[in-house]
Protein backbone atom coordinates (compact mmCIF):
# COMPACT_ATOMS: atom_id res chain seq x y z
CA UNK A 1 0.00 0.00 0.00
CA UNK A 2 1.18 3.52 -0.78
CA UNK A 3 2.36 5.53 2.18
CA UNK A 4 0.54 8.85 2.36
CA UNK A 5 2.27 12.02 3.50
CA UNK A 6 0.42 14.71 5.39
CA UNK A 7 0.59 18.49 5.48
CA UNK A 8 -1.45 20.98 7.47
CA UNK A 9 -4.43 20.76 5.09
CA UNK A 10 -3.47 18.03 2.63
CA UNK A 11 -2.85 14.33 2.32
CA UNK A 12 -0.73 13.43 -0.68
CA UNK A 13 1.34 10.82 -2.43
CA UNK A 14 2.99 12.25 -5.53
CA UNK A 15 5.77 10.27 -7.18
CA UNK A 16 7.82 11.72 -9.99
CA UNK A 17 9.92 9.57 -12.31
CA UNK A 18 12.75 11.56 -13.91
CA UNK A 19 15.17 10.24 -16.51
CA UNK A 20 18.34 12.23 -17.17
CA UNK A 21 19.91 11.23 -20.48
CA UNK A 22 23.47 11.99 -21.55
CA UNK A 23 24.08 14.10 -24.63
CA UNK A 24 23.83 11.96 -27.77
CA UNK A 25 23.16 8.98 -25.42
CA UNK A 26 26.91 8.60 -24.95
CA UNK A 27 27.93 5.72 -22.70
CA UNK A 28 29.83 7.84 -20.15
CA UNK A 29 28.27 7.07 -16.77
CA UNK A 30 30.03 4.55 -14.56
CA UNK A 31 28.38 2.71 -11.65
CA UNK A 32 30.46 4.84 -9.27
CA UNK A 33 29.16 8.04 -10.87
CA UNK A 34 25.59 6.87 -10.51
CA UNK A 35 26.14 6.00 -6.84
CA UNK A 36 27.80 9.40 -6.27
CA UNK A 37 24.68 11.15 -7.57
CA UNK A 38 22.57 10.09 -4.59
CA UNK A 39 24.35 12.20 -1.94
CA UNK A 40 24.37 15.18 -4.33
CA UNK A 41 20.64 15.00 -5.10
CA UNK A 42 19.39 14.25 -1.57
CA UNK A 43 20.16 17.71 -0.03
CA UNK A 44 18.50 19.46 -2.96
CA UNK A 45 15.37 17.36 -2.53
CA UNK A 46 15.39 17.76 1.25
CA UNK A 47 15.50 21.54 0.80
CA UNK A 48 12.35 21.18 -1.33
CA UNK A 49 10.54 18.91 1.18
CA UNK A 50 10.86 15.96 -1.19
CA UNK A 51 12.57 12.58 -0.87
CA UNK A 52 14.70 10.48 -3.19
CA UNK A 53 13.06 7.06 -3.22
CA UNK A 54 15.37 5.39 -5.75
CA UNK A 55 18.28 6.27 -8.01
CA UNK A 56 19.79 3.93 -10.59
CA UNK A 57 20.78 3.93 -14.19
CA UNK A 58 22.79 2.72 -17.14
CA UNK A 59 25.88 4.16 -18.84
CA UNK A 60 23.71 6.53 -20.91
CA UNK A 61 20.91 7.52 -18.52
CA UNK A 62 19.87 7.82 -14.85
CA UNK A 63 16.45 7.16 -13.32
CA UNK A 64 15.26 9.06 -10.26
CA UNK A 65 12.09 8.22 -8.34
CA UNK A 66 11.11 11.17 -6.18
CA UNK A 67 8.40 11.46 -3.55
CA UNK A 68 7.36 15.00 -4.42
CA UNK A 69 5.86 17.62 -2.11
CA UNK A 70 2.91 19.46 -3.75
CA UNK A 71 4.47 22.90 -3.10
CA UNK A 72 7.22 22.27 -5.66
CA UNK A 73 7.43 23.58 -9.18
CA UNK A 74 8.61 20.54 -11.16
CA UNK A 75 10.63 22.51 -13.72
CA UNK A 76 12.48 24.44 -10.99
CA UNK A 77 13.19 21.22 -9.10
CA UNK A 78 14.65 19.53 -12.19
CA UNK A 79 16.77 22.62 -12.92
CA UNK A 80 18.08 22.50 -9.33
CA UNK A 81 18.95 18.81 -9.63
CA UNK A 82 20.77 19.29 -12.92
CA UNK A 83 22.63 22.29 -11.55
CA UNK A 84 23.61 20.42 -8.37
CA UNK A 85 25.16 17.55 -10.31
CA UNK A 86 26.85 19.86 -12.82
CA UNK A 87 28.45 21.96 -10.08
CA UNK A 88 29.28 18.97 -7.92
CA UNK A 89 26.39 19.61 -5.58
CA UNK A 90 25.94 21.07 -2.13
CA UNK A 91 29.18 20.49 -0.28
CA UNK A 92 30.71 19.04 -3.43
CA UNK A 93 34.11 18.59 -1.85
CA UNK A 94 32.52 16.15 0.60
CA UNK A 95 29.93 14.31 -1.46
CA UNK A 96 30.89 14.23 -5.12
CA UNK A 97 34.31 13.50 -6.57
CA UNK A 98 35.54 15.67 -9.40
CA UNK A 99 35.06 13.88 -12.70
CA UNK A 100 36.38 16.72 -14.86
CA UNK A 101 39.68 14.87 -15.42
CA UNK A 102 37.84 11.79 -16.68
CA UNK A 103 37.91 11.76 -20.52
CA UNK A 104 34.52 10.02 -20.56
CA UNK A 105 32.98 12.80 -18.47
CA UNK A 106 34.38 15.46 -20.81
CA UNK A 107 32.57 13.77 -23.69
CA UNK A 108 29.30 14.27 -21.82
PDB file of N, CA and C in Angstrom:
ATOM      1  N   UNK A   1       0.841  -1.187   0.000  1.00  0.00           N
ATOM      2  CA  UNK A   1       0.000   0.000   0.000  1.00  0.00           C
ATOM      3  C   UNK A   1       0.881   1.243   0.000  1.00  0.00           C
ATOM      4  N   UNK A   2       0.435   2.273  -0.680  1.00  0.00           N
ATOM      5  CA  UNK A   2       1.175   3.518  -0.781  1.00  0.00           C
ATOM      6  C   UNK A   2       1.125   4.273   0.533  1.00  0.00           C
ATOM      7  N   UNK A   3       2.296   4.744   0.950  1.00  0.00           N
ATOM      8  CA  UNK A   3       2.365   5.531   2.178  1.00  0.00           C
ATOM      9  C   UNK A   3       1.980   6.969   1.864  1.00  0.00           C
ATOM     10  N   UNK A   4       1.012   7.491   2.571  1.00  0.00           N
ATOM     11  CA  UNK A   4       0.537   8.846   2.363  1.00  0.00           C
ATOM     12  C   UNK A   4       1.293   9.809   3.268  1.00  0.00           C
ATOM     13  N   UNK A   5       1.644  10.959   2.718  1.00  0.00           N
ATOM     14  CA  UNK A   5       2.266  12.019   3.504  1.00  0.00           C
ATOM     15  C   UNK A   5       1.208  13.050   3.826  1.00  0.00           C
ATOM     16  N   UNK A   6       1.418  13.742   4.928  1.00  0.00           N
ATOM     17  CA  UNK A   6       0.421  14.705   5.387  1.00  0.00           C
ATOM     18  C   UNK A   6       1.042  16.080   5.573  1.00  0.00           C
ATOM     19  N   UNK A   7       0.249  17.093   5.215  1.00  0.00           N
ATOM     20  CA  UNK A   7       0.585  18.486   5.476  1.00  0.00           C
ATOM     21  C   UNK A   7      -0.483  19.063   6.377  1.00  0.00           C
ATOM     22  N   UNK A   8      -0.466  20.380   6.570  1.00  0.00           N
ATOM     23  CA  UNK A   8      -1.448  20.976   7.472  1.00  0.00           C
ATOM     24  C   UNK A   8      -2.884  20.823   6.959  1.00  0.00           C
ATOM     25  N   UNK A   9      -3.077  20.878   5.637  1.00  0.00           N
ATOM     26  CA  UNK A   9      -4.426  20.757   5.090  1.00  0.00           C
ATOM     27  C   UNK A   9      -4.503  19.784   3.921  1.00  0.00           C
ATOM     28  N   UNK A  10      -3.485  18.934   3.781  1.00  0.00           N
ATOM     29  CA  UNK A  10      -3.467  18.030   2.631  1.00  0.00           C
ATOM     30  C   UNK A  10      -2.977  16.643   3.029  1.00  0.00           C
ATOM     31  N   UNK A  11      -3.403  15.682   2.253  1.00  0.00           N
ATOM     32  CA  UNK A  11      -2.854  14.329   2.318  1.00  0.00           C
ATOM     33  C   UNK A  11      -2.443  14.016   0.884  1.00  0.00           C
ATOM     34  N   UNK A  12      -1.194  13.584   0.691  1.00  0.00           N
ATOM     35  CA  UNK A  12      -0.725  13.426  -0.675  1.00  0.00           C
ATOM     36  C   UNK A  12       0.258  12.276  -0.808  1.00  0.00           C
ATOM     37  N   UNK A  13       0.343  11.794  -2.024  1.00  0.00           N
ATOM     38  CA  UNK A  13       1.343  10.817  -2.432  1.00  0.00           C
ATOM     39  C   UNK A  13       1.619  11.076  -3.911  1.00  0.00           C
ATOM     40  N   UNK A  14       2.643  11.887  -4.170  1.00  0.00           N
ATOM     41  CA  UNK A  14       2.993  12.252  -5.535  1.00  0.00           C
ATOM     42  C   UNK A  14       4.383  11.691  -5.817  1.00  0.00           C
ATOM     43  N   UNK A  15       4.479  10.838  -6.801  1.00  0.00           N
ATOM     44  CA  UNK A  15       5.773  10.273  -7.184  1.00  0.00           C
ATOM     45  C   UNK A  15       6.112  10.744  -8.586  1.00  0.00           C
ATOM     46  N   UNK A  16       7.344  11.191  -8.728  1.00  0.00           N
ATOM     47  CA  UNK A  16       7.824  11.724  -9.995  1.00  0.00           C
ATOM     48  C   UNK A  16       8.971  10.854 -10.480  1.00  0.00           C
ATOM     49  N   UNK A  17       8.865  10.377 -11.697  1.00  0.00           N
ATOM     50  CA  UNK A  17       9.920   9.569 -12.312  1.00  0.00           C
ATOM     51  C   UNK A  17      10.650  10.454 -13.316  1.00  0.00           C
ATOM     52  N   UNK A  18      11.943  10.705 -13.043  1.00  0.00           N
ATOM     53  CA  UNK A  18      12.753  11.562 -13.906  1.00  0.00           C
ATOM     54  C   UNK A  18      13.836  10.702 -14.537  1.00  0.00           C
ATOM     55  N   UNK A  19      14.075  10.910 -15.818  1.00  0.00           N
ATOM     56  CA  UNK A  19      15.173  10.239 -16.509  1.00  0.00           C
ATOM     57  C   UNK A  19      16.082  11.318 -17.086  1.00  0.00           C
ATOM     58  N   UNK A  20      17.326  11.342 -16.602  1.00  0.00           N
ATOM     59  CA  UNK A  20      18.343  12.230 -17.167  1.00  0.00           C
ATOM     60  C   UNK A  20      19.139  11.420 -18.178  1.00  0.00           C
ATOM     61  N   UNK A  21      19.228  11.932 -19.398  1.00  0.00           N
ATOM     62  CA  UNK A  21      19.909  11.230 -20.483  1.00  0.00           C
ATOM     63  C   UNK A  21      21.154  12.022 -20.860  1.00  0.00           C
ATOM     64  N   UNK A  22      22.246  11.321 -21.132  1.00  0.00           N
ATOM     65  CA  UNK A  22      23.471  11.987 -21.551  1.00  0.00           C
ATOM     66  C   UNK A  22      23.318  12.518 -22.980  1.00  0.00           C
ATOM     67  N   UNK A  23      24.120  13.507 -23.296  1.00  0.00           N
ATOM     68  CA  UNK A  23      24.081  14.096 -24.631  1.00  0.00           C
ATOM     69  C   UNK A  23      24.463  13.047 -25.667  1.00  0.00           C
ATOM     70  N   UNK A  24      23.651  12.943 -26.700  1.00  0.00           N
ATOM     71  CA  UNK A  24      23.829  11.955 -27.772  1.00  0.00           C
ATOM     72  C   UNK A  24      23.800  10.515 -27.249  1.00  0.00           C
ATOM     73  N   UNK A  25      23.235  10.311 -26.067  1.00  0.00           N
ATOM     74  CA  UNK A  25      23.161   8.983 -25.421  1.00  0.00           C
ATOM     75  C   UNK A  25      24.544   8.322 -25.327  1.00  0.00           C
ATOM     76  N   UNK A  26      25.551   9.134 -25.095  1.00  0.00           N
ATOM     77  CA  UNK A  26      26.908   8.601 -24.952  1.00  0.00           C
ATOM     78  C   UNK A  26      26.997   7.746 -23.704  1.00  0.00           C
ATOM     79  N   UNK A  27      27.765   6.679 -23.789  1.00  0.00           N
ATOM     80  CA  UNK A  27      27.927   5.715 -22.695  1.00  0.00           C
ATOM     81  C   UNK A  27      29.039   6.201 -21.755  1.00  0.00           C
ATOM     82  N   UNK A  28      28.773   7.233 -20.966  1.00  0.00           N
ATOM     83  CA  UNK A  28      29.825   7.842 -20.155  1.00  0.00           C
ATOM     84  C   UNK A  28      29.658   7.637 -18.653  1.00  0.00           C
ATOM     85  N   UNK A  29      28.500   7.208 -18.209  1.00  0.00           N
ATOM     86  CA  UNK A  29      28.267   7.067 -16.766  1.00  0.00           C
ATOM     87  C   UNK A  29      28.766   5.717 -16.265  1.00  0.00           C
ATOM     88  N   UNK A  30      29.549   5.766 -15.198  1.00  0.00           N
ATOM     89  CA  UNK A  30      30.035   4.547 -14.563  1.00  0.00           C
ATOM     90  C   UNK A  30      29.140   4.239 -13.364  1.00  0.00           C
ATOM     91  N   UNK A  31      29.162   3.010 -12.856  1.00  0.00           N
ATOM     92  CA  UNK A  31      28.375   2.708 -11.649  1.00  0.00           C
ATOM     93  C   UNK A  31      28.761   3.599 -10.463  1.00  0.00           C
ATOM     94  N   UNK A  32      30.040   3.951 -10.360  1.00  0.00           N
ATOM     95  CA  UNK A  32      30.460   4.841  -9.265  1.00  0.00           C
ATOM     96  C   UNK A  32      29.854   6.232  -9.414  1.00  0.00           C
ATOM     97  N   UNK A  33      29.784   6.727 -10.629  1.00  0.00           N
ATOM     98  CA  UNK A  33      29.164   8.036 -10.865  1.00  0.00           C
ATOM     99  C   UNK A  33      27.696   8.021 -10.461  1.00  0.00           C
ATOM    100  N   UNK A  34      27.014   6.966 -10.827  1.00  0.00           N
ATOM    101  CA  UNK A  34      25.591   6.871 -10.508  1.00  0.00           C
ATOM    102  C   UNK A  34      25.388   6.810  -8.994  1.00  0.00           C
ATOM    103  N   UNK A  35      26.233   6.062  -8.297  1.00  0.00           N
ATOM    104  CA  UNK A  35      26.144   6.001  -6.835  1.00  0.00           C
ATOM    105  C   UNK A  35      26.476   7.347  -6.203  1.00  0.00           C
ATOM    106  N   UNK A  36      27.415   8.097  -6.803  1.00  0.00           N
ATOM    107  CA  UNK A  36      27.800   9.403  -6.270  1.00  0.00           C
ATOM    108  C   UNK A  36      26.719  10.452  -6.480  1.00  0.00           C
ATOM    109  N   UNK A  37      25.757  10.197  -7.343  1.00  0.00           N
ATOM    110  CA  UNK A  37      24.680  11.151  -7.575  1.00  0.00           C
ATOM    111  C   UNK A  37      23.728  11.230  -6.385  1.00  0.00           C
ATOM    112  N   UNK A  38      23.528  10.115  -5.703  1.00  0.00           N
ATOM    113  CA  UNK A  38      22.567  10.093  -4.591  1.00  0.00           C
ATOM    114  C   UNK A  38      22.868  11.149  -3.536  1.00  0.00           C
ATOM    115  N   UNK A  39      24.096  11.196  -2.973  1.00  0.00           N
ATOM    116  CA  UNK A  39      24.347  12.204  -1.937  1.00  0.00           C
ATOM    117  C   UNK A  39      24.346  13.638  -2.458  1.00  0.00           C
ATOM    118  N   UNK A  40      24.454  13.831  -3.760  1.00  0.00           N
ATOM    119  CA  UNK A  40      24.369  15.177  -4.330  1.00  0.00           C
ATOM    120  C   UNK A  40      22.908  15.598  -4.465  1.00  0.00           C
ATOM    121  N   UNK A  41      22.048  14.677  -4.889  1.00  0.00           N
ATOM    122  CA  UNK A  41      20.642  15.002  -5.103  1.00  0.00           C
ATOM    123  C   UNK A  41      19.844  15.095  -3.802  1.00  0.00           C
ATOM    124  N   UNK A  42      20.190  14.305  -2.803  1.00  0.00           N
ATOM    125  CA  UNK A  42      19.390  14.253  -1.571  1.00  0.00           C
ATOM    126  C   UNK A  42      19.260  15.603  -0.853  1.00  0.00           C
ATOM    127  N   UNK A  43      20.344  16.405  -0.684  1.00  0.00           N
ATOM    128  CA  UNK A  43      20.158  17.707  -0.025  1.00  0.00           C
ATOM    129  C   UNK A  43      19.275  18.664  -0.811  1.00  0.00           C
ATOM    130  N   UNK A  44      19.348  18.597  -2.129  1.00  0.00           N
ATOM    131  CA  UNK A  44      18.502  19.456  -2.962  1.00  0.00           C
ATOM    132  C   UNK A  44      17.035  19.094  -2.745  1.00  0.00           C
ATOM    133  N   UNK A  45      16.751  17.801  -2.737  1.00  0.00           N
ATOM    134  CA  UNK A  45      15.374  17.356  -2.535  1.00  0.00           C
ATOM    135  C   UNK A  45      14.892  17.648  -1.119  1.00  0.00           C
ATOM    136  N   UNK A  46      15.774  17.464  -0.143  1.00  0.00           N
ATOM    137  CA  UNK A  46      15.394  17.755   1.246  1.00  0.00           C
ATOM    138  C   UNK A  46      15.044  19.232   1.409  1.00  0.00           C
ATOM    139  N   UNK A  47      15.784  20.107   0.739  1.00  0.00           N
ATOM    140  CA  UNK A  47      15.500  21.540   0.802  1.00  0.00           C
ATOM    141  C   UNK A  47      14.138  21.864   0.183  1.00  0.00           C
ATOM    142  N   UNK A  48      13.654  20.993  -0.689  1.00  0.00           N
ATOM    143  CA  UNK A  48      12.346  21.176  -1.329  1.00  0.00           C
ATOM    144  C   UNK A  48      11.266  20.286  -0.724  1.00  0.00           C
ATOM    145  N   UNK A  49      11.498  19.763   0.467  1.00  0.00           N
ATOM    146  CA  UNK A  49      10.543  18.910   1.178  1.00  0.00           C
ATOM    147  C   UNK A  49      10.169  17.660   0.388  1.00  0.00           C
ATOM    148  N   UNK A  50      11.090  17.167  -0.415  1.00  0.00           N
ATOM    149  CA  UNK A  50      10.863  15.957  -1.192  1.00  0.00           C
ATOM    150  C   UNK A  50      11.890  14.910  -0.791  1.00  0.00           C
ATOM    151  N   UNK A  51      11.688  13.681  -1.250  1.00  0.00           N
ATOM    152  CA  UNK A  51      12.569  12.576  -0.871  1.00  0.00           C
ATOM    153  C   UNK A  51      12.971  11.786  -2.104  1.00  0.00           C
ATOM    154  N   UNK A  52      14.227  11.347  -2.134  1.00  0.00           N
ATOM    155  CA  UNK A  52      14.699  10.477  -3.194  1.00  0.00           C
ATOM    156  C   UNK A  52      14.380   9.047  -2.807  1.00  0.00           C
ATOM    157  N   UNK A  53      13.453   8.434  -3.524  1.00  0.00           N
ATOM    158  CA  UNK A  53      13.059   7.060  -3.223  1.00  0.00           C
ATOM    159  C   UNK A  53      14.033   6.055  -3.834  1.00  0.00           C
ATOM    160  N   UNK A  54      14.473   6.328  -5.077  1.00  0.00           N
ATOM    161  CA  UNK A  54      15.367   5.393  -5.754  1.00  0.00           C
ATOM    162  C   UNK A  54      16.177   6.146  -6.796  1.00  0.00           C
ATOM    163  N   UNK A  55      17.401   5.681  -7.016  1.00  0.00           N
ATOM    164  CA  UNK A  55      18.280   6.272  -8.014  1.00  0.00           C
ATOM    165  C   UNK A  55      19.116   5.151  -8.616  1.00  0.00           C
ATOM    166  N   UNK A  56      18.965   4.922  -9.905  1.00  0.00           N
ATOM    167  CA  UNK A  56      19.793   3.928 -10.588  1.00  0.00           C
ATOM    168  C   UNK A  56      19.855   4.293 -12.056  1.00  0.00           C
ATOM    169  N   UNK A  57      20.668   3.568 -12.791  1.00  0.00           N
ATOM    170  CA  UNK A  57      20.781   3.925 -14.188  1.00  0.00           C
ATOM    171  C   UNK A  57      21.674   2.994 -14.971  1.00  0.00           C
ATOM    172  N   UNK A  58      21.946   3.419 -16.171  1.00  0.00           N
ATOM    173  CA  UNK A  58      22.786   2.719 -17.136  1.00  0.00           C
ATOM    174  C   UNK A  58      23.873   3.694 -17.575  1.00  0.00           C
ATOM    175  N   UNK A  59      24.813   3.249 -18.401  1.00  0.00           N
ATOM    176  CA  UNK A  59      25.879   4.158 -18.841  1.00  0.00           C
ATOM    177  C   UNK A  59      25.404   5.392 -19.613  1.00  0.00           C
ATOM    178  N   UNK A  60      24.177   5.371 -20.139  1.00  0.00           N
ATOM    179  CA  UNK A  60      23.711   6.534 -20.905  1.00  0.00           C
ATOM    180  C   UNK A  60      22.504   7.255 -20.303  1.00  0.00           C
ATOM    181  N   UNK A  61      22.019   6.817 -19.155  1.00  0.00           N
ATOM    182  CA  UNK A  61      20.908   7.519 -18.515  1.00  0.00           C
ATOM    183  C   UNK A  61      20.803   7.155 -17.033  1.00  0.00           C
ATOM    184  N   UNK A  62      20.086   8.018 -16.286  1.00  0.00           N
ATOM    185  CA  UNK A  62      19.870   7.818 -14.849  1.00  0.00           C
ATOM    186  C   UNK A  62      18.386   7.990 -14.558  1.00  0.00           C
ATOM    187  N   UNK A  63      17.842   7.084 -13.753  1.00  0.00           N
ATOM    188  CA  UNK A  63      16.448   7.163 -13.315  1.00  0.00           C
ATOM    189  C   UNK A  63      16.408   7.661 -11.881  1.00  0.00           C
ATOM    190  N   UNK A  64      15.511   8.598 -11.608  1.00  0.00           N
ATOM    191  CA  UNK A  64      15.258   9.060 -10.256  1.00  0.00           C
ATOM    192  C   UNK A  64      13.778   8.861  -9.959  1.00  0.00           C
ATOM    193  N   UNK A  65      13.472   8.307  -8.808  1.00  0.00           N
ATOM    194  CA  UNK A  65      12.088   8.221  -8.341  1.00  0.00           C
ATOM    195  C   UNK A  65      11.996   9.109  -7.120  1.00  0.00           C
ATOM    196  N   UNK A  66      11.187  10.145  -7.219  1.00  0.00           N
ATOM    197  CA  UNK A  66      11.110  11.174  -6.184  1.00  0.00           C
ATOM    198  C   UNK A  66       9.713  11.205  -5.589  1.00  0.00           C
ATOM    199  N   UNK A  67       9.658  11.230  -4.263  1.00  0.00           N
ATOM    200  CA  UNK A  67       8.404  11.458  -3.546  1.00  0.00           C
ATOM    201  C   UNK A  67       8.283  12.974  -3.413  1.00  0.00           C
ATOM    202  N   UNK A  68       7.431  13.559  -4.227  1.00  0.00           N
ATOM    203  CA  UNK A  68       7.361  15.004  -4.416  1.00  0.00           C
ATOM    204  C   UNK A  68       6.373  15.656  -3.458  1.00  0.00           C
ATOM    205  N   UNK A  69       6.760  16.807  -2.926  1.00  0.00           N
ATOM    206  CA  UNK A  69       5.856  17.617  -2.112  1.00  0.00           C
ATOM    207  C   UNK A  69       5.042  18.502  -3.060  1.00  0.00           C
ATOM    208  N   UNK A  70       3.756  18.710  -2.802  1.00  0.00           N
ATOM    209  CA  UNK A  70       2.914  19.459  -3.747  1.00  0.00           C
ATOM    210  C   UNK A  70       3.283  20.937  -3.894  1.00  0.00           C
ATOM    211  N   UNK A  71       4.084  21.500  -2.999  1.00  0.00           N
ATOM    212  CA  UNK A  71       4.468  22.903  -3.103  1.00  0.00           C
ATOM    213  C   UNK A  71       5.518  23.159  -4.176  1.00  0.00           C
ATOM    214  N   UNK A  72       6.104  22.106  -4.730  1.00  0.00           N
ATOM    215  CA  UNK A  72       7.218  22.269  -5.656  1.00  0.00           C
ATOM    216  C   UNK A  72       6.771  22.548  -7.081  1.00  0.00           C
ATOM    217  N   UNK A  73       7.557  23.363  -7.749  1.00  0.00           N
ATOM    218  CA  UNK A  73       7.425  23.577  -9.178  1.00  0.00           C
ATOM    219  C   UNK A  73       8.356  22.557  -9.830  1.00  0.00           C
ATOM    220  N   UNK A  74       7.831  21.654 -10.619  1.00  0.00           N
ATOM    221  CA  UNK A  74       8.615  20.543 -11.158  1.00  0.00           C
ATOM    222  C   UNK A  74       9.778  21.042 -12.015  1.00  0.00           C
ATOM    223  N   UNK A  75       9.553  22.031 -12.855  1.00  0.00           N
ATOM    224  CA  UNK A  75      10.630  22.509 -13.724  1.00  0.00           C
ATOM    225  C   UNK A  75      11.762  23.140 -12.920  1.00  0.00           C
ATOM    226  N   UNK A  76      11.438  23.858 -11.845  1.00  0.00           N
ATOM    227  CA  UNK A  76      12.482  24.438 -10.989  1.00  0.00           C
ATOM    228  C   UNK A  76      13.242  23.351 -10.242  1.00  0.00           C
ATOM    229  N   UNK A  77      12.540  22.319  -9.813  1.00  0.00           N
ATOM    230  CA  UNK A  77      13.186  21.223  -9.104  1.00  0.00           C
ATOM    231  C   UNK A  77      14.173  20.490 -10.020  1.00  0.00           C
ATOM    232  N   UNK A  78      13.762  20.217 -11.243  1.00  0.00           N
ATOM    233  CA  UNK A  78      14.647  19.533 -12.186  1.00  0.00           C
ATOM    234  C   UNK A  78      15.856  20.404 -12.504  1.00  0.00           C
ATOM    235  N   UNK A  79      15.651  21.705 -12.676  1.00  0.00           N
ATOM    236  CA  UNK A  79      16.774  22.615 -12.923  1.00  0.00           C
ATOM    237  C   UNK A  79      17.742  22.605 -11.743  1.00  0.00           C
ATOM    238  N   UNK A  80      17.221  22.552 -10.522  1.00  0.00           N
ATOM    239  CA  UNK A  80      18.079  22.503  -9.334  1.00  0.00           C
ATOM    240  C   UNK A  80      18.876  21.207  -9.280  1.00  0.00           C
ATOM    241  N   UNK A  81      18.246  20.096  -9.637  1.00  0.00           N
ATOM    242  CA  UNK A  81      18.947  18.808  -9.629  1.00  0.00           C
ATOM    243  C   UNK A  81      20.052  18.787 -10.678  1.00  0.00           C
ATOM    244  N   UNK A  82      19.761  19.265 -11.866  1.00  0.00           N
ATOM    245  CA  UNK A  82      20.771  19.295 -12.925  1.00  0.00           C
ATOM    246  C   UNK A  82      21.929  20.210 -12.540  1.00  0.00           C
ATOM    247  N   UNK A  83      21.601  21.340 -11.961  1.00  0.00           N
ATOM    248  CA  UNK A  83      22.626  22.285 -11.547  1.00  0.00           C
ATOM    249  C   UNK A  83      23.491  21.714 -10.422  1.00  0.00           C
ATOM    250  N   UNK A  84      22.862  21.008  -9.487  1.00  0.00           N
ATOM    251  CA  UNK A  84      23.610  20.419  -8.367  1.00  0.00           C
ATOM    252  C   UNK A  84      24.620  19.398  -8.859  1.00  0.00           C
ATOM    253  N   UNK A  85      24.222  18.554  -9.807  1.00  0.00           N
ATOM    254  CA  UNK A  85      25.163  17.551 -10.308  1.00  0.00           C
ATOM    255  C   UNK A  85      26.249  18.218 -11.154  1.00  0.00           C
ATOM    256  N   UNK A  86      25.875  19.189 -11.968  1.00  0.00           N
ATOM    257  CA  UNK A  86      26.846  19.865 -12.820  1.00  0.00           C
ATOM    258  C   UNK A  86      27.893  20.628 -12.033  1.00  0.00           C
ATOM    259  N   UNK A  87      27.498  21.197 -10.893  1.00  0.00           N
ATOM    260  CA  UNK A  87      28.451  21.962 -10.084  1.00  0.00           C
ATOM    261  C   UNK A  87      29.100  21.098  -9.019  1.00  0.00           C
ATOM    262  N   UNK A  88      28.737  19.847  -8.949  1.00  0.00           N
ATOM    263  CA  UNK A  88      29.276  18.972  -7.919  1.00  0.00           C
ATOM    264  C   UNK A  88      28.399  18.910  -6.690  1.00  0.00           C
ATOM    265  N   UNK A  89      27.363  19.712  -6.642  1.00  0.00           N
ATOM    266  CA  UNK A  89      26.386  19.612  -5.579  1.00  0.00           C
ATOM    267  C   UNK A  89      26.699  20.435  -4.356  1.00  0.00           C
ATOM    268  N   UNK A  90      25.797  20.373  -3.399  1.00  0.00           N
ATOM    269  CA  UNK A  90      25.943  21.066  -2.134  1.00  0.00           C
ATOM    270  C   UNK A  90      27.046  20.374  -1.359  1.00  0.00           C
ATOM    271  N   UNK A  91      28.050  21.105  -0.961  1.00  0.00           N
ATOM    272  CA  UNK A  91      29.184  20.488  -0.282  1.00  0.00           C
ATOM    273  C   UNK A  91      29.916  19.533  -1.186  1.00  0.00           C
ATOM    274  N   UNK A  92      30.163  19.935  -2.416  1.00  0.00           N
ATOM    275  CA  UNK A  92      30.713  19.037  -3.433  1.00  0.00           C
ATOM    276  C   UNK A  92      32.020  18.409  -3.005  1.00  0.00           C
ATOM    277  N   UNK A  93      32.819  19.149  -2.261  1.00  0.00           N
ATOM    278  CA  UNK A  93      34.106  18.590  -1.851  1.00  0.00           C
ATOM    279  C   UNK A  93      33.933  17.394  -0.928  1.00  0.00           C
ATOM    280  N   UNK A  94      32.774  17.268  -0.313  1.00  0.00           N
ATOM    281  CA  UNK A  94      32.517  16.153   0.598  1.00  0.00           C
ATOM    282  C   UNK A  94      31.780  15.010  -0.087  1.00  0.00           C
ATOM    283  N   UNK A  95      30.838  15.343  -0.969  1.00  0.00           N
ATOM    284  CA  UNK A  95      29.928  14.308  -1.463  1.00  0.00           C
ATOM    285  C   UNK A  95      30.216  13.806  -2.858  1.00  0.00           C
ATOM    286  N   UNK A  96      30.751  14.639  -3.725  1.00  0.00           N
ATOM    287  CA  UNK A  96      30.894  14.232  -5.119  1.00  0.00           C
ATOM    288  C   UNK A  96      32.328  14.412  -5.586  1.00  0.00           C
ATOM    289  N   UNK A  97      32.967  13.347  -6.036  1.00  0.00           N
ATOM    290  CA  UNK A  97      34.313  13.497  -6.569  1.00  0.00           C
ATOM    291  C   UNK A  97      34.303  14.300  -7.864  1.00  0.00           C
ATOM    292  N   UNK A  98      35.434  14.874  -8.187  1.00  0.00           N
ATOM    293  CA  UNK A  98      35.537  15.670  -9.396  1.00  0.00           C
ATOM    294  C   UNK A  98      35.825  14.754 -10.579  1.00  0.00           C
ATOM    295  N   UNK A  99      34.904  14.734 -11.532  1.00  0.00           N
ATOM    296  CA  UNK A  99      35.057  13.883 -12.704  1.00  0.00           C
ATOM    297  C   UNK A  99      35.575  14.659 -13.907  1.00  0.00           C
ATOM    298  N   UNK A 100      35.975  15.907 -13.717  1.00  0.00           N
ATOM    299  CA  UNK A 100      36.382  16.723 -14.859  1.00  0.00           C
ATOM    300  C   UNK A 100      37.655  16.213 -15.523  1.00  0.00           C
ATOM    301  N   UNK A 101      38.468  15.426 -14.820  1.00  0.00           N
ATOM    302  CA  UNK A 101      39.678  14.865 -15.425  1.00  0.00           C
ATOM    303  C   UNK A 101      39.408  13.557 -16.162  1.00  0.00           C
ATOM    304  N   UNK A 102      38.214  13.044 -16.039  1.00  0.00           N
ATOM    305  CA  UNK A 102      37.842  11.790 -16.680  1.00  0.00           C
ATOM    306  C   UNK A 102      37.479  12.074 -18.139  1.00  0.00           C
ATOM    307  N   UNK A 103      38.216  11.490 -19.107  1.00  0.00           N
ATOM    308  CA  UNK A 103      37.908  11.765 -20.515  1.00  0.00           C
ATOM    309  C   UNK A 103      36.482  11.395 -20.907  1.00  0.00           C
ATOM    310  N   UNK A 104      35.905  10.378 -20.261  1.00  0.00           N
ATOM    311  CA  UNK A 104      34.520  10.018 -20.556  1.00  0.00           C
ATOM    312  C   UNK A 104      33.580  11.147 -20.144  1.00  0.00           C
ATOM    313  N   UNK A 105      33.842  11.742 -18.973  1.00  0.00           N
ATOM    314  CA  UNK A 105      32.981  12.798 -18.473  1.00  0.00           C
ATOM    315  C   UNK A 105      33.058  14.026 -19.380  1.00  0.00           C
ATOM    316  N   UNK A 106      34.243  14.308 -19.918  1.00  0.00           N
ATOM    317  CA  UNK A 106      34.383  15.457 -20.808  1.00  0.00           C
ATOM    318  C   UNK A 106      33.585  15.268 -22.080  1.00  0.00           C
ATOM    319  N   UNK A 107      33.368  14.028 -22.493  1.00  0.00           N
ATOM    320  CA  UNK A 107      32.569  13.766 -23.691  1.00  0.00           C
ATOM    321  C   UNK A 107      31.090  14.003 -23.430  1.00  0.00           C
ATOM    322  N   UNK A 108      30.676  14.044 -22.169  1.00  0.00           N
ATOM    323  CA  UNK A 108      29.298  14.273 -21.820  1.00  0.00           C
ATOM    324  C   UNK A 108      29.014  15.702 -22.125  1.00  0.00           C
TER     325      UNK A 108
END
